PDB file of N, CA and C in Angstrom:
ATOM      1  N   MET A   1      40.325-156.175   7.610  1.00  0.00           N
ATOM      2  CA  MET A   1      39.731-157.073   6.645  1.00  0.00           C
ATOM      3  C   MET A   1      40.852-157.662   5.795  1.00  0.00           C
ATOM      4  N   GLN A   2      40.884-158.986   5.732  1.00  0.00           N
ATOM      5  CA  GLN A   2      41.900-159.690   4.973  1.00  0.00           C
ATOM      6  C   GLN A   2      41.487-159.778   3.508  1.00  0.00           C
ATOM      7  N   LEU A   3      42.365-159.361   2.614  1.00  0.00           N
ATOM      8  CA  LEU A   3      42.089-159.407   1.186  1.00  0.00           C
ATOM      9  C   LEU A   3      42.408-160.798   0.654  1.00  0.00           C
ATOM     10  N   ALA A   4      41.460-161.393  -0.071  1.00  0.00           N
ATOM     11  CA  ALA A   4      41.670-162.721  -0.645  1.00  0.00           C
ATOM     12  C   ALA A   4      42.217-162.568  -2.074  1.00  0.00           C
ATOM     13  N   TYR A   5      43.374-163.118  -2.305  1.00  0.00           N
ATOM     14  CA  TYR A   5      43.962-163.136  -3.639  1.00  0.00           C
ATOM     15  C   TYR A   5      45.018-164.230  -3.671  1.00  0.00           C
ATOM     16  N   ASN A   6      45.374-164.649  -4.868  1.00  0.00           N
ATOM     17  CA  ASN A   6      46.345-165.726  -5.050  1.00  0.00           C
ATOM     18  C   ASN A   6      47.758-165.168  -4.898  1.00  0.00           C
ATOM     19  N   VAL A   7      48.377-165.406  -3.752  1.00  0.00           N
ATOM     20  CA  VAL A   7      49.726-164.888  -3.504  1.00  0.00           C
ATOM     21  C   VAL A   7      50.775-165.590  -4.367  1.00  0.00           C
ATOM     22  N   LYS A   8      50.404-166.725  -4.957  1.00  0.00           N
ATOM     23  CA  LYS A   8      51.344-167.461  -5.802  1.00  0.00           C
ATOM     24  C   LYS A   8      51.126-167.189  -7.289  1.00  0.00           C
ATOM     25  N   ALA A   9      50.265-166.222  -7.611  1.00  0.00           N
ATOM     26  CA  ALA A   9      50.040-165.876  -9.017  1.00  0.00           C
ATOM     27  C   ALA A   9      51.356-165.398  -9.621  1.00  0.00           C
ATOM     28  N   PRO A  10      51.573-165.662 -10.910  1.00  0.00           N
ATOM     29  CA  PRO A  10      52.831-165.240 -11.532  1.00  0.00           C
ATOM     30  C   PRO A  10      52.978-163.720 -11.540  1.00  0.00           C
ATOM     31  N   ARG A  11      54.204-163.286 -11.479  1.00  0.00           N
ATOM     32  CA  ARG A  11      54.508-161.860 -11.539  1.00  0.00           C
ATOM     33  C   ARG A  11      54.304-161.361 -12.964  1.00  0.00           C
ATOM     34  N   ARG A  12      53.953-160.074 -13.072  1.00  0.00           N
ATOM     35  CA  ARG A  12      53.742-159.458 -14.380  1.00  0.00           C
ATOM     36  C   ARG A  12      54.457-158.117 -14.393  1.00  0.00           C
ATOM     37  N   SER A  13      55.221-157.850 -15.412  1.00  0.00           N
ATOM     38  CA  SER A  13      55.905-156.561 -15.545  1.00  0.00           C
ATOM     39  C   SER A  13      54.890-155.496 -15.939  1.00  0.00           C
ATOM     40  N   VAL A  14      55.032-154.329 -15.307  1.00  0.00           N
ATOM     41  CA  VAL A  14      54.180-153.189 -15.647  1.00  0.00           C
ATOM     42  C   VAL A  14      55.057-151.945 -15.710  1.00  0.00           C
ATOM     43  N   ASN A  15      54.638-150.984 -16.502  1.00  0.00           N
ATOM     44  CA  ASN A  15      55.342-149.704 -16.568  1.00  0.00           C
ATOM     45  C   ASN A  15      54.578-148.697 -15.732  1.00  0.00           C
ATOM     46  N   LEU A  16      55.287-147.993 -14.867  1.00  0.00           N
ATOM     47  CA  LEU A  16      54.688-147.002 -13.991  1.00  0.00           C
ATOM     48  C   LEU A  16      55.450-145.698 -14.094  1.00  0.00           C
ATOM     49  N   THR A  17      54.759-144.631 -13.743  1.00  0.00           N
ATOM     50  CA  THR A  17      55.450-143.363 -13.558  1.00  0.00           C
ATOM     51  C   THR A  17      55.243-142.965 -12.113  1.00  0.00           C
ATOM     52  N   ALA A  18      56.270-142.369 -11.538  1.00  0.00           N
ATOM     53  CA  ALA A  18      56.204-141.967 -10.132  1.00  0.00           C
ATOM     54  C   ALA A  18      57.068-140.732  -9.933  1.00  0.00           C
ATOM     55  N   ASN A  19      56.823-140.047  -8.851  1.00  0.00           N
ATOM     56  CA  ASN A  19      57.594-138.875  -8.480  1.00  0.00           C
ATOM     57  C   ASN A  19      59.059-139.274  -8.350  1.00  0.00           C
ATOM     58  N   SER A  20      59.918-138.607  -9.097  1.00  0.00           N
ATOM     59  CA  SER A  20      61.333-138.992  -9.141  1.00  0.00           C
ATOM     60  C   SER A  20      62.019-138.859  -7.788  1.00  0.00           C
ATOM     61  N   GLU A  21      61.645-137.849  -7.020  1.00  0.00           N
ATOM     62  CA  GLU A  21      62.259-137.684  -5.701  1.00  0.00           C
ATOM     63  C   GLU A  21      61.874-138.837  -4.783  1.00  0.00           C
ATOM     64  N   LEU A  22      60.608-139.244  -4.828  1.00  0.00           N
ATOM     65  CA  LEU A  22      60.181-140.372  -4.000  1.00  0.00           C
ATOM     66  C   LEU A  22      60.912-141.649  -4.396  1.00  0.00           C
ATOM     67  N   VAL A  23      61.046-141.873  -5.692  1.00  0.00           N
ATOM     68  CA  VAL A  23      61.757-143.067  -6.162  1.00  0.00           C
ATOM     69  C   VAL A  23      63.197-143.041  -5.667  1.00  0.00           C
ATOM     70  N   SER A  24      63.861-141.911  -5.782  1.00  0.00           N
ATOM     71  CA  SER A  24      65.252-141.787  -5.320  1.00  0.00           C
ATOM     72  C   SER A  24      65.368-142.032  -3.821  1.00  0.00           C
ATOM     73  N   ARG A  25      64.427-141.465  -3.070  1.00  0.00           N
ATOM     74  CA  ARG A  25      64.489-141.632  -1.614  1.00  0.00           C
ATOM     75  C   ARG A  25      64.240-143.080  -1.205  1.00  0.00           C
ATOM     76  N   VAL A  26      63.289-143.737  -1.865  1.00  0.00           N
ATOM     77  CA  VAL A  26      63.026-145.146  -1.546  1.00  0.00           C
ATOM     78  C   VAL A  26      64.253-145.987  -1.886  1.00  0.00           C
ATOM     79  N   ARG A  27      64.826-145.745  -3.049  1.00  0.00           N
ATOM     80  CA  ARG A  27      66.020-146.513  -3.447  1.00  0.00           C
ATOM     81  C   ARG A  27      67.185-146.249  -2.504  1.00  0.00           C
ATOM     82  N   SER A  28      67.335-145.008  -2.035  1.00  0.00           N
ATOM     83  CA  SER A  28      68.444-144.699  -1.113  1.00  0.00           C
ATOM     84  C   SER A  28      68.267-145.408   0.230  1.00  0.00           C
ATOM     85  N   GLU A  29      67.019-145.786   0.544  1.00  0.00           N
ATOM     86  CA  GLU A  29      66.740-146.546   1.773  1.00  0.00           C
ATOM     87  C   GLU A  29      66.696-148.050   1.496  1.00  0.00           C
ATOM     88  N   ASN A  30      67.154-148.448   0.314  1.00  0.00           N
ATOM     89  CA  ASN A  30      67.130-149.842  -0.120  1.00  0.00           C
ATOM     90  C   ASN A  30      65.717-150.418  -0.129  1.00  0.00           C
ATOM     91  N   GLY A  31      64.750-149.557  -0.430  1.00  0.00           N
ATOM     92  CA  GLY A  31      63.361-150.000  -0.509  1.00  0.00           C
ATOM     93  C   GLY A  31      63.096-150.771  -1.792  1.00  0.00           C
ATOM     94  N   ASN A  32      62.181-151.685  -1.726  1.00  0.00           N
ATOM     95  CA  ASN A  32      61.801-152.511  -2.864  1.00  0.00           C
ATOM     96  C   ASN A  32      60.559-151.890  -3.496  1.00  0.00           C
ATOM     97  N   LEU A  33      60.736-151.243  -4.653  1.00  0.00           N
ATOM     98  CA  LEU A  33      59.627-150.554  -5.306  1.00  0.00           C
ATOM     99  C   LEU A  33      58.494-151.510  -5.663  1.00  0.00           C
ATOM    100  N   SER A  34      58.828-152.696  -6.114  1.00  0.00           N
ATOM    101  CA  SER A  34      57.789-153.665  -6.481  1.00  0.00           C
ATOM    102  C   SER A  34      56.966-154.065  -5.254  1.00  0.00           C
ATOM    103  N   ALA A  35      57.642-154.314  -4.153  1.00  0.00           N
ATOM    104  CA  ALA A  35      56.939-154.705  -2.934  1.00  0.00           C
ATOM    105  C   ALA A  35      56.074-153.557  -2.413  1.00  0.00           C
ATOM    106  N   LEU A  36      56.584-152.338  -2.488  1.00  0.00           N
ATOM    107  CA  LEU A  36      55.804-151.180  -2.050  1.00  0.00           C
ATOM    108  C   LEU A  36      54.568-150.984  -2.920  1.00  0.00           C
ATOM    109  N   PHE A  37      54.734-151.154  -4.213  1.00  0.00           N
ATOM    110  CA  PHE A  37      53.605-151.031  -5.126  1.00  0.00           C
ATOM    111  C   PHE A  37      52.569-152.117  -4.842  1.00  0.00           C
ATOM    112  N   GLU A  38      53.036-153.339  -4.660  1.00  0.00           N
ATOM    113  CA  GLU A  38      52.120-154.445  -4.373  1.00  0.00           C
ATOM    114  C   GLU A  38      51.369-154.204  -3.054  1.00  0.00           C
ATOM    115  N   GLN A  39      52.074-153.747  -2.033  1.00  0.00           N
ATOM    116  CA  GLN A  39      51.429-153.456  -0.746  1.00  0.00           C
ATOM    117  C   GLN A  39      50.399-152.342  -0.901  1.00  0.00           C
ATOM    118  N   SER A  40      50.716-151.348  -1.702  1.00  0.00           N
ATOM    119  CA  SER A  40      49.764-150.257  -1.956  1.00  0.00           C
ATOM    120  C   SER A  40      48.509-150.780  -2.651  1.00  0.00           C
ATOM    121  N   MET A  41      48.664-151.707  -3.582  1.00  0.00           N
ATOM    122  CA  MET A  41      47.504-152.281  -4.266  1.00  0.00           C
ATOM    123  C   MET A  41      46.645-153.076  -3.283  1.00  0.00           C
ATOM    124  N   ILE A  42      47.276-153.819  -2.393  1.00  0.00           N
ATOM    125  CA  ILE A  42      46.545-154.604  -1.392  1.00  0.00           C
ATOM    126  C   ILE A  42      45.733-153.675  -0.496  1.00  0.00           C
ATOM    127  N   ILE A  43      46.348-152.607  -0.031  1.00  0.00           N
ATOM    128  CA  ILE A  43      45.652-151.649   0.832  1.00  0.00           C
ATOM    129  C   ILE A  43      44.497-151.002   0.080  1.00  0.00           C
ATOM    130  N   PHE A  44      44.731-150.589  -1.148  1.00  0.00           N
ATOM    131  CA  PHE A  44      43.692-149.966  -1.964  1.00  0.00           C
ATOM    132  C   PHE A  44      42.497-150.897  -2.122  1.00  0.00           C
ATOM    133  N   LEU A  45      42.762-152.145  -2.495  1.00  0.00           N
ATOM    134  CA  LEU A  45      41.668-153.102  -2.720  1.00  0.00           C
ATOM    135  C   LEU A  45      40.940-153.453  -1.423  1.00  0.00           C
ATOM    136  N   ALA A  46      41.673-153.589  -0.331  1.00  0.00           N
ATOM    137  CA  ALA A  46      41.039-153.883   0.960  1.00  0.00           C
ATOM    138  C   ALA A  46      40.123-152.739   1.385  1.00  0.00           C
ATOM    139  N   GLU A  47      40.568-151.500   1.175  1.00  0.00           N
ATOM    140  CA  GLU A  47      39.732-150.345   1.502  1.00  0.00           C
ATOM    141  C   GLU A  47      38.473-150.326   0.641  1.00  0.00           C
ATOM    142  N   ARG A  48      38.619-150.637  -0.646  1.00  0.00           N
ATOM    143  CA  ARG A  48      37.458-150.684  -1.546  1.00  0.00           C
ATOM    144  C   ARG A  48      36.483-151.771  -1.125  1.00  0.00           C
ATOM    145  N   GLU A  49      36.999-152.941  -0.773  1.00  0.00           N
ATOM    146  CA  GLU A  49      36.124-154.034  -0.329  1.00  0.00           C
ATOM    147  C   GLU A  49      35.379-153.660   0.943  1.00  0.00           C
ATOM    148  N   LEU A  50      36.059-153.008   1.875  1.00  0.00           N
ATOM    149  CA  LEU A  50      35.425-152.590   3.121  1.00  0.00           C
ATOM    150  C   LEU A  50      34.326-151.559   2.843  1.00  0.00           C
ATOM    151  N   THR A  51      34.607-150.601   1.983  1.00  0.00           N
ATOM    152  CA  THR A  51      33.616-149.591   1.626  1.00  0.00           C
ATOM    153  C   THR A  51      32.403-150.238   0.976  1.00  0.00           C
ATOM    154  N   ARG A  52      32.643-151.168   0.058  1.00  0.00           N
ATOM    155  CA  ARG A  52      31.556-151.867  -0.624  1.00  0.00           C
ATOM    156  C   ARG A  52      30.724-152.676   0.379  1.00  0.00           C
ATOM    157  N   TRP A  53      31.392-153.368   1.314  1.00  0.00           N
ATOM    158  CA  TRP A  53      30.686-154.154   2.325  1.00  0.00           C
ATOM    159  C   TRP A  53      29.810-153.256   3.194  1.00  0.00           C
ATOM    160  N   LYS A  54      30.355-152.098   3.598  1.00  0.00           N
ATOM    161  CA  LYS A  54      29.577-151.170   4.418  1.00  0.00           C
ATOM    162  C   LYS A  54      28.345-150.687   3.665  1.00  0.00           C
ATOM    163  N   GLU A  55      28.520-150.362   2.385  1.00  0.00           N
ATOM    164  CA  GLU A  55      27.389-149.898   1.582  1.00  0.00           C
ATOM    165  C   GLU A  55      26.345-150.999   1.429  1.00  0.00           C
ATOM    166  N   GLU A  56      26.783-152.216   1.166  1.00  0.00           N
ATOM    167  CA  GLU A  56      25.864-153.335   0.985  1.00  0.00           C
ATOM    168  C   GLU A  56      25.163-153.711   2.289  1.00  0.00           C
ATOM    169  N   SER A  57      25.797-153.447   3.415  1.00  0.00           N
ATOM    170  CA  SER A  57      25.257-153.827   4.715  1.00  0.00           C
ATOM    171  C   SER A  57      24.488-152.700   5.400  1.00  0.00           C
ATOM    172  N   GLN A  58      24.433-151.529   4.793  1.00  0.00           N
ATOM    173  CA  GLN A  58      23.818-150.371   5.441  1.00  0.00           C
ATOM    174  C   GLN A  58      22.375-150.641   5.848  1.00  0.00           C
ATOM    175  N   THR A  59      21.610-151.338   5.017  1.00  0.00           N
ATOM    176  CA  THR A  59      20.223-151.655   5.353  1.00  0.00           C
ATOM    177  C   THR A  59      20.152-152.478   6.640  1.00  0.00           C
ATOM    178  N   SER A  60      21.044-153.443   6.767  1.00  0.00           N
ATOM    179  CA  SER A  60      21.080-154.269   7.986  1.00  0.00           C
ATOM    180  C   SER A  60      21.470-153.439   9.202  1.00  0.00           C
ATOM    181  N   PHE A  61      22.445-152.554   9.041  1.00  0.00           N
ATOM    182  CA  PHE A  61      22.851-151.684  10.150  1.00  0.00           C
ATOM    183  C   PHE A  61      21.677-150.828  10.602  1.00  0.00           C
ATOM    184  N   ASP A  62      20.980-150.238   9.623  1.00  0.00           N
ATOM    185  CA  ASP A  62      19.836-149.379   9.948  1.00  0.00           C
ATOM    186  C   ASP A  62      18.744-150.167  10.659  1.00  0.00           C
ATOM    187  N   SER A  63      18.478-151.374  10.183  1.00  0.00           N
ATOM    188  CA  SER A  63      17.451-152.212  10.788  1.00  0.00           C
ATOM    189  C   SER A  63      17.818-152.552  12.232  1.00  0.00           C
ATOM    190  N   TYR A  64      19.056-152.921  12.456  1.00  0.00           N
ATOM    191  CA  TYR A  64      19.525-153.251  13.806  1.00  0.00           C
ATOM    192  C   TYR A  64      19.416-152.031  14.722  1.00  0.00           C
ATOM    193  N   ASN A  65      19.834-150.878  14.212  1.00  0.00           N
ATOM    194  CA  ASN A  65      19.761-149.660  15.026  1.00  0.00           C
ATOM    195  C   ASN A  65      18.318-149.310  15.383  1.00  0.00           C
ATOM    196  N   ARG A  66      17.378-149.509  14.455  1.00  0.00           N
ATOM    197  CA  ARG A  66      15.963-149.275  14.752  1.00  0.00           C
ATOM    198  C   ARG A  66      15.480-150.233  15.842  1.00  0.00           C
ATOM    199  N   MET A  67      15.898-151.487  15.754  1.00  0.00           N
ATOM    200  CA  MET A  67      15.513-152.472  16.762  1.00  0.00           C
ATOM    201  C   MET A  67      16.019-152.051  18.144  1.00  0.00           C
ATOM    202  N   ILE A  68      17.260-151.590  18.209  1.00  0.00           N
ATOM    203  CA  ILE A  68      17.847-151.153  19.478  1.00  0.00           C
ATOM    204  C   ILE A  68      17.073-149.949  20.016  1.00  0.00           C
ATOM    205  N   GLU A  69      16.725-149.025  19.134  1.00  0.00           N
ATOM    206  CA  GLU A  69      15.963-147.849  19.573  1.00  0.00           C
ATOM    207  C   GLU A  69      14.596-148.261  20.132  1.00  0.00           C
ATOM    208  N   GLN A  70      13.961-149.250  19.529  1.00  0.00           N
ATOM    209  CA  GLN A  70      12.621-149.665  19.929  1.00  0.00           C
ATOM    210  C   GLN A  70      12.631-150.585  21.149  1.00  0.00           C
ATOM    211  N   ARG A  71      13.566-151.520  21.194  1.00  0.00           N
ATOM    212  CA  ARG A  71      13.539-152.566  22.219  1.00  0.00           C
ATOM    213  C   ARG A  71      14.665-152.470  23.228  1.00  0.00           C
ATOM    214  N   GLY A  72      15.663-151.683  22.943  1.00  0.00           N
ATOM    215  CA  GLY A  72      16.846-151.639  23.793  1.00  0.00           C
ATOM    216  C   GLY A  72      17.832-152.726  23.369  1.00  0.00           C
ATOM    217  N   PRO A  73      18.988-152.753  23.986  1.00  0.00           N
ATOM    218  CA  PRO A  73      20.005-153.746  23.616  1.00  0.00           C
ATOM    219  C   PRO A  73      19.518-155.173  23.862  1.00  0.00           C
ATOM    220  N   VAL A  74      19.993-156.086  23.060  1.00  0.00           N
ATOM    221  CA  VAL A  74      19.645-157.499  23.199  1.00  0.00           C
ATOM    222  C   VAL A  74      20.037-158.006  24.584  1.00  0.00           C
ATOM    223  N   SER A  75      21.113-157.489  25.140  1.00  0.00           N
ATOM    224  CA  SER A  75      21.560-157.940  26.461  1.00  0.00           C
ATOM    225  C   SER A  75      20.494-157.700  27.524  1.00  0.00           C
ATOM    226  N   GLU A  76      19.659-156.684  27.343  1.00  0.00           N
ATOM    227  CA  GLU A  76      18.573-156.433  28.306  1.00  0.00           C
ATOM    228  C   GLU A  76      17.529-157.548  28.251  1.00  0.00           C
ATOM    229  N   ASP A  77      17.308-158.117  27.048  1.00  0.00           N
ATOM    230  CA  ASP A  77      16.345-159.196  26.885  1.00  0.00           C
ATOM    231  C   ASP A  77      16.757-160.445  27.651  1.00  0.00           C
ATOM    232  N   ILE A  78      18.060-160.678  27.740  1.00  0.00           N
ATOM    233  CA  ILE A  78      18.507-161.908  28.394  1.00  0.00           C
ATOM    234  C   ILE A  78      19.071-161.638  29.786  1.00  0.00           C
ATOM    235  N   GLY A  79      18.978-160.389  30.237  1.00  0.00           N
ATOM    236  CA  GLY A  79      19.377-160.060  31.602  1.00  0.00           C
ATOM    237  C   GLY A  79      20.864-159.875  31.813  1.00  0.00           C
ATOM    238  N   LEU A  80      21.583-159.542  30.788  1.00  0.00           N
ATOM    239  CA  LEU A  80      23.022-159.308  30.933  1.00  0.00           C
ATOM    240  C   LEU A  80      23.298-157.818  30.986  1.00  0.00           C
ATOM    241  N   LEU A  81      24.227-157.439  31.836  1.00  0.00           N
ATOM    242  CA  LEU A  81      24.680-156.049  31.876  1.00  0.00           C
ATOM    243  C   LEU A  81      26.063-156.009  31.254  1.00  0.00           C
ATOM    244  N   LEU A  82      26.195-155.235  30.218  1.00  0.00           N
ATOM    245  CA  LEU A  82      27.502-155.127  29.553  1.00  0.00           C
ATOM    246  C   LEU A  82      28.126-153.796  29.823  1.00  0.00           C
TER     247      LEU A  82
END
């Protein structure tokens, strides 16, 4: 799931605390802490959006599954074997 956000939004300074050993190891690998933090936020938000979508769509999933249980797959209605 692609997260929609303004990639050109201005940068904002924030203060964070992190495990000192992890910070040292990332820096020793020439890692970009800001980029890693931003990527972590993207992953976090994408996971939340997916969870929310699944919860909001659960009624539709249940309805579809009931239809399949009662009538069989839609492909059977039109004569397709999948």
